Amino acid sequence: MRITTLGTSHGDHTYCRFNSSTLYEIGDQSYLVDCGEPVNGLMIRANKPFGQLQAVFVTHMHEDHVGGLPDLIKALVKRPRTEGGTTVFLPEVEAQAGLDGWLRAMHVAWPSPVVTFGVTTEGPVYDDSLLSVAAVPTEHMAPLGAPSFAYVLEAEGKRIVTTGDLRGDFADFPEVIRQERCDLCICEITHYKPEVALPLLMACPIDRLILNHVHDPWHGEGEARLRAIMADLPYPVEIAHDGDEFTL
């Protein structure tokens, strides 16, 4: 399995990072978790074919995680999969109506049979011959009365947990990571102080941690400070950058 962190920033683009999007490649199929801008262009620059994109899983409806979806759908309509289509899983059922309207406003050939929608709810979300995905609620959007999710991805005998955005006190860090071993955790590093998370992370049965959705203090020279804070964790810790590729 190959994982490409296409975009690794927080709520805003920065001088070295774009909004959140992560591509998982399994065999000759690919899957996205989040689709912040400019995911379409980043896939093209990384030579990732749109025709291999099976599904898109959105963690929550903040713009930095979903703002690139209209442009991505335009690309999928122009370059559809040769067999079947692409399914987009949105965390709010109401989101599709707004998306439909914007696609029509941009004069995309819409609706199109090559893109379908599902709604993410707690529990199993997706399963094909290569990948199964389950959703775990988080509380990042609770003040707005809206849902947000972490995702558990299982493929090739490996388990990956990607947290999406979390609360400032880290209390909604997914229980599944605390109790069950995972081969890889991809965790945001914007909405909480690392020192708050360390005691919990120390006790988790994680084989490998990648920090993503990276806050401004940890850009550039700040990376060294973040690495020093995380140095005592009992497993490897990596800081993702736009375009980084990881193999699992």
C-alpha atoms as a PDB file:
ATOM      1  CA  MET A   1       0.000   0.000   0.000  1.00  0.00           C
ATOM      2  CA  ARG A   2       1.258   3.477  -0.888  1.00  0.00           C
ATOM      3  CA  ILE A   3       0.061   6.597   0.921  1.00  0.00           C
ATOM      4  CA  THR A   4       0.635  10.081  -0.499  1.00  0.00           C
ATOM      5  CA  THR A   5      -0.037  13.132   1.648  1.00  0.00           C
ATOM      6  CA  LEU A   6      -1.017  15.440  -1.190  1.00  0.00           C
ATOM      7  CA  GLY A   7      -1.928  18.381   1.068  1.00  0.00           C
ATOM      8  CA  THR A   8      -0.866  18.688   4.711  1.00  0.00           C
ATOM      9  CA  SER A   9      -1.850  22.152   5.954  1.00  0.00           C
ATOM     10  CA  HIS A  10      -4.464  23.230   8.488  1.00  0.00           C
ATOM     11  CA  GLY A  11      -7.395  25.581   7.793  1.00  0.00           C
ATOM     12  CA  ASP A  12      -5.330  27.844   5.544  1.00  0.00           C
ATOM     13  CA  HIS A  13      -2.782  27.275   2.816  1.00  0.00           C
ATOM     14  CA  THR A  14       0.754  28.249   3.824  1.00  0.00           C
ATOM     15  CA  TYR A  15       3.998  28.971   1.994  1.00  0.00           C
ATOM     16  CA  CYS A  16       4.825  25.251   1.942  1.00  0.00           C
ATOM     17  CA  ARG A  17       1.551  23.375   2.496  1.00  0.00           C
ATOM     18  CA  PHE A  18      -1.903  23.143   0.874  1.00  0.00           C
ATOM     19  CA  ASN A  19      -5.168  22.013   2.481  1.00  0.00           C
ATOM     20  CA  SER A  20      -5.741  18.426   3.566  1.00  0.00           C
ATOM     21  CA  SER A  21      -5.952  15.503   1.156  1.00  0.00           C
ATOM     22  CA  THR A  22      -4.391  12.049   1.437  1.00  0.00           C
ATOM     23  CA  LEU A  23      -4.346   9.417  -1.310  1.00  0.00           C
ATOM     24  CA  TYR A  24      -4.219   5.678  -0.585  1.00  0.00           C
ATOM     25  CA  GLU A  25      -3.158   3.382  -3.446  1.00  0.00           C
ATOM     26  CA  ILE A  26      -3.892  -0.335  -3.168  1.00  0.00           C
ATOM     27  CA  GLY A  27      -3.164  -2.435  -6.215  1.00  0.00           C
ATOM     28  CA  ASP A  28      -4.440  -0.503  -9.220  1.00  0.00           C
ATOM     29  CA  GLN A  29      -7.113   1.379  -7.243  1.00  0.00           C
ATOM     30  CA  SER A  30      -6.912   4.580  -5.216  1.00  0.00           C
ATOM     31  CA  TYR A  31      -8.928   6.242  -2.451  1.00  0.00           C
ATOM     32  CA  LEU A  32      -8.922   9.743  -0.986  1.00  0.00           C
ATOM     33  CA  VAL A  33      -9.436  10.822   2.591  1.00  0.00           C
ATOM     34  CA  ASP A  34     -10.438  14.488   2.438  1.00  0.00           C
ATOM     35  CA  CYS A  35     -10.198  16.696  -0.612  1.00  0.00           C
ATOM     36  CA  GLY A  36      -9.091  20.171   0.364  1.00  0.00           C
ATOM     37  CA  GLU A  37      -7.851  22.499  -2.350  1.00  0.00           C
ATOM     38  CA  PRO A  38      -6.094  22.027  -4.722  1.00  0.00           C
ATOM     39  CA  VAL A  39      -6.486  18.245  -4.715  1.00  0.00           C
ATOM     40  CA  ASN A  40      -7.210  18.096  -8.445  1.00  0.00           C
ATOM     41  CA  GLY A  41      -3.963  19.842  -9.361  1.00  0.00           C
ATOM     42  CA  LEU A  42      -1.945  17.932  -6.778  1.00  0.00           C
ATOM     43  CA  MET A  43      -3.115  14.600  -8.197  1.00  0.00           C
ATOM     44  CA  ILE A  44      -2.127  15.729 -11.692  1.00  0.00           C
ATOM     45  CA  ARG A  45       1.322  16.892 -10.555  1.00  0.00           C
ATOM     46  CA  ALA A  46       1.873  13.618  -8.689  1.00  0.00           C
ATOM     47  CA  ASN A  47       0.783  11.646 -11.789  1.00  0.00           C
ATOM     48  CA  LYS A  48      -2.110   9.995  -9.941  1.00  0.00           C
ATOM     49  CA  PRO A  49      -4.775   8.894 -12.473  1.00  0.00           C
ATOM     50  CA  PHE A  50      -8.329  10.034 -11.805  1.00  0.00           C
ATOM     51  CA  GLY A  51      -9.515   6.867 -13.518  1.00  0.00           C
ATOM     52  CA  GLN A  52      -8.254   4.779 -10.588  1.00  0.00           C
ATOM     53  CA  LEU A  53     -10.118   6.720  -7.888  1.00  0.00           C
ATOM     54  CA  GLN A  54     -12.665   4.390  -6.309  1.00  0.00           C
ATOM     55  CA  ALA A  55     -13.935   6.481  -3.410  1.00  0.00           C
ATOM     56  CA  VAL A  56     -13.538   9.710  -1.446  1.00  0.00           C
ATOM     57  CA  PHE A  57     -14.089   9.829   2.331  1.00  0.00           C
ATOM     58  CA  VAL A  58     -14.671  13.280   3.848  1.00  0.00           C
ATOM     59  CA  THR A  59     -13.977  13.655   7.579  1.00  0.00           C
ATOM     60  CA  HIS A  60     -16.060  16.812   8.051  1.00  0.00           C
ATOM     61  CA  MET A  61     -17.475  19.712   6.093  1.00  0.00           C
ATOM     62  CA  HIS A  62     -14.938  22.425   6.857  1.00  0.00           C
ATOM     63  CA  GLU A  63     -13.641  24.014   3.664  1.00  0.00           C
ATOM     64  CA  ASP A  64     -10.034  22.949   4.182  1.00  0.00           C
ATOM     65  CA  HIS A  65     -11.148  19.302   4.009  1.00  0.00           C
ATOM     66  CA  VAL A  66     -13.745  19.523   1.238  1.00  0.00           C
ATOM     67  CA  GLY A  67     -13.073  22.734  -0.707  1.00  0.00           C
ATOM     68  CA  GLY A  68     -11.432  20.911  -3.609  1.00  0.00           C
ATOM     69  CA  LEU A  69     -14.353  18.544  -4.160  1.00  0.00           C
ATOM     70  CA  PRO A  70     -16.157  20.501  -6.929  1.00  0.00           C
ATOM     71  CA  ASP A  71     -12.970  20.701  -8.998  1.00  0.00           C
ATOM     72  CA  LEU A  72     -12.223  17.030  -8.303  1.00  0.00           C
ATOM     73  CA  ILE A  73     -15.699  16.042  -9.479  1.00  0.00           C
ATOM     74  CA  LYS A  74     -15.203  18.079 -12.659  1.00  0.00           C
ATOM     75  CA  ALA A  75     -12.014  16.099 -13.299  1.00  0.00           C
ATOM     76  CA  LEU A  76     -13.778  12.793 -12.623  1.00  0.00           C
ATOM     77  CA  VAL A  77     -16.553  13.689 -15.065  1.00  0.00           C
ATOM     78  CA  LYS A  78     -13.969  14.538 -17.743  1.00  0.00           C
ATOM     79  CA  ARG A  79     -11.771  11.498 -16.996  1.00  0.00           C
ATOM     80  CA  PRO A  80     -14.116   8.810 -15.641  1.00  0.00           C
ATOM     81  CA  ARG A  81     -13.138   5.376 -14.447  1.00  0.00           C
ATOM     82  CA  THR A  82     -13.137   2.769 -17.194  1.00  0.00           C
ATOM     83  CA  GLU A  83     -15.273   0.458 -15.044  1.00  0.00           C
ATOM     84  CA  GLY A  84     -17.792   1.724 -12.527  1.00  0.00           C
ATOM     85  CA  GLY A  85     -17.647   5.183 -10.999  1.00  0.00           C
ATOM     86  CA  THR A  86     -16.356   7.035  -7.966  1.00  0.00           C
ATOM     87  CA  THR A  87     -18.337   7.205  -4.727  1.00  0.00           C
ATOM     88  CA  VAL A  88     -18.037  10.279  -2.497  1.00  0.00           C
ATOM     89  CA  PHE A  89     -18.935   9.809   1.161  1.00  0.00           C
ATOM     90  CA  LEU A  90     -20.092  13.045   2.802  1.00  0.00           C
ATOM     91  CA  PRO A  91     -20.609  13.387   6.574  1.00  0.00           C
ATOM     92  CA  GLU A  92     -23.775  15.498   6.204  1.00  0.00           C
ATOM     93  CA  VAL A  93     -26.685  14.499   3.990  1.00  0.00           C
ATOM     94  CA  GLU A  94     -27.568  18.170   3.415  1.00  0.00           C
ATOM     95  CA  ALA A  95     -24.176  18.818   1.826  1.00  0.00           C
ATOM     96  CA  GLN A  96     -25.067  17.158  -1.464  1.00  0.00           C
ATOM     97  CA  ALA A  97     -27.754  19.688  -2.388  1.00  0.00           C
ATOM     98  CA  GLY A  98     -25.322  22.590  -2.032  1.00  0.00           C
ATOM     99  CA  LEU A  99     -22.676  20.726  -4.003  1.00  0.00           C
ATOM    100  CA  ASP A 100     -25.168  19.925  -6.772  1.00  0.00           C
ATOM    101  CA  GLY A 101     -26.056  23.598  -7.060  1.00  0.00           C
ATOM    102  CA  TRP A 102     -22.448  24.741  -7.246  1.00  0.00           C
ATOM    103  CA  LEU A 103     -21.547  22.156  -9.907  1.00  0.00           C
ATOM    104  CA  ARG A 104     -24.460  23.342 -12.037  1.00  0.00           C
ATOM    105  CA  ALA A 105     -23.415  26.963 -11.467  1.00  0.00           C
ATOM    106  CA  MET A 106     -19.973  26.061 -12.850  1.00  0.00           C
ATOM    107  CA  HIS A 107     -21.649  24.412 -15.878  1.00  0.00           C
ATOM    108  CA  VAL A 108     -20.146  21.014 -15.144  1.00  0.00           C
ATOM    109  CA  ALA A 109     -21.979  18.229 -17.019  1.00  0.00           C
ATOM    110  CA  TRP A 110     -24.019  17.422 -13.946  1.00  0.00           C
ATOM    111  CA  PRO A 111     -25.535  15.195 -12.658  1.00  0.00           C
ATOM    112  CA  SER A 112     -23.289  12.443 -13.964  1.00  0.00           C
ATOM    113  CA  PRO A 113     -23.496   8.673 -13.508  1.00  0.00           C
ATOM    114  CA  VAL A 114     -19.726   8.490 -12.941  1.00  0.00           C
ATOM    115  CA  VAL A 115     -19.979  10.087  -9.464  1.00  0.00           C
ATOM    116  CA  THR A 116     -22.346   8.831  -6.778  1.00  0.00           C
ATOM    117  CA  PHE A 117     -22.765   9.778  -3.128  1.00  0.00           C
ATOM    118  CA  GLY A 118     -22.992   8.040   0.208  1.00  0.00           C
ATOM    119  CA  VAL A 119     -23.465   9.440   3.705  1.00  0.00           C
ATOM    120  CA  THR A 120     -20.954   8.614   6.416  1.00  0.00           C
ATOM    121  CA  THR A 121     -22.416   7.319   9.677  1.00  0.00           C
ATOM    122  CA  GLU A 122     -20.786   5.563  12.611  1.00  0.00           C
ATOM    123  CA  GLY A 123     -19.657   2.021  11.837  1.00  0.00           C
ATOM    124  CA  PRO A 124     -18.910   0.293   8.518  1.00  0.00           C
ATOM    125  CA  VAL A 125     -18.977   2.703   5.579  1.00  0.00           C
ATOM    126  CA  TYR A 126     -17.373   0.930   2.639  1.00  0.00           C
ATOM    127  CA  ASP A 127     -16.060  -2.460   1.575  1.00  0.00           C
ATOM    128  CA  ASP A 128     -14.721  -3.726  -1.724  1.00  0.00           C
ATOM    129  CA  SER A 129     -12.316  -6.511  -2.583  1.00  0.00           C
ATOM    130  CA  LEU A 130      -9.333  -4.389  -1.535  1.00  0.00           C
ATOM    131  CA  LEU A 131     -10.339  -1.981   1.232  1.00  0.00           C
ATOM    132  CA  SER A 132     -12.810  -1.779   4.103  1.00  0.00           C
ATOM    133  CA  VAL A 133     -13.549   1.510   5.861  1.00  0.00           C
ATOM    134  CA  ALA A 134     -15.329   2.229   9.137  1.00  0.00           C
ATOM    135  CA  ALA A 135     -16.167   5.625  10.649  1.00  0.00           C
ATOM    136  CA  VAL A 136     -15.622   6.670  14.263  1.00  0.00           C
ATOM    137  CA  PRO A 137     -17.322   9.887  15.470  1.00  0.00           C
ATOM    138  CA  THR A 138     -15.168  12.711  16.817  1.00  0.00           C
ATOM    139  CA  GLU A 139     -16.229  15.981  18.434  1.00  0.00           C
ATOM    140  CA  HIS A 140     -14.397  18.546  16.332  1.00  0.00           C
ATOM    141  CA  MET A 141     -17.676  19.926  14.941  1.00  0.00           C
ATOM    142  CA  ALA A 142     -19.763  19.466  18.102  1.00  0.00           C
ATOM    143  CA  PRO A 143     -19.938  23.228  18.871  1.00  0.00           C
ATOM    144  CA  LEU A 144     -21.651  23.661  15.491  1.00  0.00           C
ATOM    145  CA  GLY A 145     -23.995  20.719  15.973  1.00  0.00           C
ATOM    146  CA  ALA A 146     -22.437  18.950  12.987  1.00  0.00           C
ATOM    147  CA  PRO A 147     -20.743  15.548  12.636  1.00  0.00           C
ATOM    148  CA  SER A 148     -17.066  14.786  12.161  1.00  0.00           C
ATOM    149  CA  PHE A 149     -15.330  11.439  11.822  1.00  0.00           C
ATOM    150  CA  ALA A 150     -12.090   9.529  12.044  1.00  0.00           C
ATOM    151  CA  TYR A 151     -11.721   6.633   9.604  1.00  0.00           C
ATOM    152  CA  VAL A 152     -10.370   3.121  10.141  1.00  0.00           C
ATOM    153  CA  LEU A 153      -9.010   1.669   6.889  1.00  0.00           C
ATOM    154  CA  GLU A 154      -8.101  -2.004   6.567  1.00  0.00           C
ATOM    155  CA  ALA A 155      -6.318  -3.475   3.548  1.00  0.00           C
ATOM    156  CA  GLU A 156      -3.610  -6.025   2.811  1.00  0.00           C
ATOM    157  CA  GLY A 157      -3.696  -7.176   6.427  1.00  0.00           C
ATOM    158  CA  LYS A 158      -2.914  -3.658   7.687  1.00  0.00           C
ATOM    159  CA  ARG A 159      -4.981  -1.306   9.832  1.00  0.00           C
ATOM    160  CA  ILE A 160      -4.701   2.471   9.475  1.00  0.00           C
ATOM    161  CA  VAL A 161      -6.532   5.033  11.587  1.00  0.00           C
ATOM    162  CA  THR A 162      -6.731   8.597  10.281  1.00  0.00           C
ATOM    163  CA  THR A 163      -8.112  10.931  12.923  1.00  0.00           C
ATOM    164  CA  GLY A 164      -9.471  13.876  11.000  1.00  0.00           C
ATOM    165  CA  ASP A 165      -9.636  17.012  13.154  1.00  0.00           C
ATOM    166  CA  LEU A 166      -9.998  16.670  16.924  1.00  0.00           C
ATOM    167  CA  ARG A 167     -10.912  18.696  20.008  1.00  0.00           C
ATOM    168  CA  GLY A 168      -8.454  21.023  21.667  1.00  0.00           C
ATOM    169  CA  ASP A 169      -8.182  18.775  24.717  1.00  0.00           C
ATOM    170  CA  PHE A 170      -7.516  15.633  22.607  1.00  0.00           C
ATOM    171  CA  ALA A 171     -10.320  13.860  24.497  1.00  0.00           C
ATOM    172  CA  ASP A 172     -11.947  12.559  21.311  1.00  0.00           C
ATOM    173  CA  PHE A 173      -8.811  10.783  20.068  1.00  0.00           C
ATOM    174  CA  PRO A 174     -10.460   7.604  18.746  1.00  0.00           C
ATOM    175  CA  GLU A 175     -10.992   4.870  21.306  1.00  0.00           C
ATOM    176  CA  VAL A 176     -10.133   2.214  18.725  1.00  0.00           C
ATOM    177  CA  ILE A 177      -6.523   3.449  18.683  1.00  0.00           C
ATOM    178  CA  ARG A 178      -6.313   3.360  22.448  1.00  0.00           C
ATOM    179  CA  GLN A 179      -7.478  -0.240  22.712  1.00  0.00           C
ATOM    180  CA  GLU A 180      -6.482  -2.023  19.493  1.00  0.00           C
ATOM    181  CA  ARG A 181      -3.143  -2.167  17.721  1.00  0.00           C
ATOM    182  CA  CYS A 182      -2.871  -0.243  14.471  1.00  0.00           C
ATOM    183  CA  ASP A 183      -0.062  -0.420  11.943  1.00  0.00           C
ATOM    184  CA  LEU A 184      -0.303   3.292  11.269  1.00  0.00           C
ATOM    185  CA  CYS A 185      -2.023   6.310  12.793  1.00  0.00           C
ATOM    186  CA  ILE A 186      -2.250   9.514  10.761  1.00  0.00           C
ATOM    187  CA  CYS A 187      -3.059  12.228  13.294  1.00  0.00           C
ATOM    188  CA  GLU A 188      -3.720  15.924  12.899  1.00  0.00           C
ATOM    189  CA  ILE A 189      -1.372  18.298  14.782  1.00  0.00           C
ATOM    190  CA  THR A 190      -3.227  21.627  14.736  1.00  0.00           C
ATOM    191  CA  HIS A 191      -6.095  21.722  17.217  1.00  0.00           C
ATOM    192  CA  TYR A 192      -4.302  20.657  20.405  1.00  0.00           C
ATOM    193  CA  LYS A 193      -0.956  21.214  22.073  1.00  0.00           C
ATOM    194  CA  PRO A 194       1.360  18.219  21.621  1.00  0.00           C
ATOM    195  CA  GLU A 195       2.119  18.176  25.339  1.00  0.00           C
ATOM    196  CA  VAL A 196      -1.585  17.561  26.027  1.00  0.00           C
ATOM    197  CA  ALA A 197      -1.620  14.511  23.754  1.00  0.00           C
ATOM    198  CA  LEU A 198       1.643  12.905  24.871  1.00  0.00           C
ATOM    199  CA  PRO A 199       0.405  10.968  27.932  1.00  0.00           C
ATOM    200  CA  LEU A 200      -2.360   9.322  25.901  1.00  0.00           C
ATOM    201  CA  LEU A 201      -0.152   8.663  22.881  1.00  0.00           C
ATOM    202  CA  MET A 202       2.475   7.027  25.094  1.00  0.00           C
ATOM    203  CA  ALA A 203      -0.011   4.321  26.071  1.00  0.00           C
ATOM    204  CA  CYS A 204      -1.463   3.588  22.617  1.00  0.00           C
ATOM    205  CA  PRO A 205      -0.544   0.369  20.739  1.00  0.00           C
ATOM    206  CA  ILE A 206       0.553   2.242  17.610  1.00  0.00           C
ATOM    207  CA  ASP A 207       3.303   0.871  15.355  1.00  0.00           C
ATOM    208  CA  ARG A 208       3.923   4.114  13.468  1.00  0.00           C
ATOM    209  CA  LEU A 209       2.627   7.698  13.742  1.00  0.00           C
ATOM    210  CA  ILE A 210       2.451  10.279  10.956  1.00  0.00           C
ATOM    211  CA  LEU A 211       1.574  13.840  11.965  1.00  0.00           C
ATOM    212  CA  ASN A 212      -0.541  15.610   9.361  1.00  0.00           C
ATOM    213  CA  HIS A 213      -2.721  18.748   9.106  1.00  0.00           C
ATOM    214  CA  VAL A 214       0.286  20.630  10.415  1.00  0.00           C
ATOM    215  CA  HIS A 215      -0.130  23.898  12.349  1.00  0.00           C
ATOM    216  CA  ASP A 216       2.015  26.983  11.636  1.00  0.00           C
ATOM    217  CA  PRO A 217       4.336  26.640  14.670  1.00  0.00           C
ATOM    218  CA  TRP A 218       5.561  23.305  13.298  1.00  0.00           C
ATOM    219  CA  HIS A 219       6.440  24.541   9.802  1.00  0.00           C
ATOM    220  CA  GLY A 220      10.027  25.123   8.750  1.00  0.00           C
ATOM    221  CA  GLU A 221      12.375  25.345  11.725  1.00  0.00           C
ATOM    222  CA  GLY A 222       9.465  24.460  14.016  1.00  0.00           C
ATOM    223  CA  GLU A 223       9.675  20.853  12.850  1.00  0.00           C
ATOM    224  CA  ALA A 224      12.732  20.305  15.020  1.00  0.00           C
ATOM    225  CA  ARG A 225      10.848  21.519  18.106  1.00  0.00           C
ATOM    226  CA  LEU A 226       7.932  19.200  17.348  1.00  0.00           C
ATOM    227  CA  ARG A 227      10.262  16.240  16.845  1.00  0.00           C
ATOM    228  CA  ALA A 228      11.886  16.970  20.189  1.00  0.00           C
ATOM    229  CA  ILE A 229       8.508  17.052  21.941  1.00  0.00           C
ATOM    230  CA  MET A 230       7.521  13.714  20.408  1.00  0.00           C
ATOM    231  CA  ALA A 231      10.923  12.054  20.812  1.00  0.00           C
ATOM    232  CA  ASP A 232       9.986   9.924  23.837  1.00  0.00           C
ATOM    233  CA  LEU A 233       7.101   8.125  22.129  1.00  0.00           C
ATOM    234  CA  PRO A 234       7.804   4.374  21.901  1.00  0.00           C
ATOM    235  CA  TYR A 235       7.295   4.166  18.116  1.00  0.00           C
ATOM    236  CA  PRO A 236       8.499   6.040  15.011  1.00  0.00           C
ATOM    237  CA  VAL A 237       7.010   9.512  14.461  1.00  0.00           C
ATOM    238  CA  GLU A 238       7.094  11.283  11.091  1.00  0.00           C
ATOM    239  CA  ILE A 239       5.891  14.734  10.037  1.00  0.00           C
ATOM    240  CA  ALA A 240       4.088  14.737   6.693  1.00  0.00           C
ATOM    241  CA  HIS A 241       4.788  17.252   3.933  1.00  0.00           C
ATOM    242  CA  ASP A 242       2.907  17.903   0.714  1.00  0.00           C
ATOM    243  CA  GLY A 243       3.777  15.167  -1.761  1.00  0.00           C
ATOM    244  CA  ASP A 244       5.394  12.782   0.726  1.00  0.00           C
ATOM    245  CA  GLU A 245       4.926   9.083  -0.047  1.00  0.00           C
ATOM    246  CA  PHE A 246       4.805   6.383   2.615  1.00  0.00           C
ATOM    247  CA  THR A 247       4.771   2.627   2.087  1.00  0.00           C
ATOM    248  CA  LEU A 248       2.986   0.229   4.418  1.00  0.00           C
END
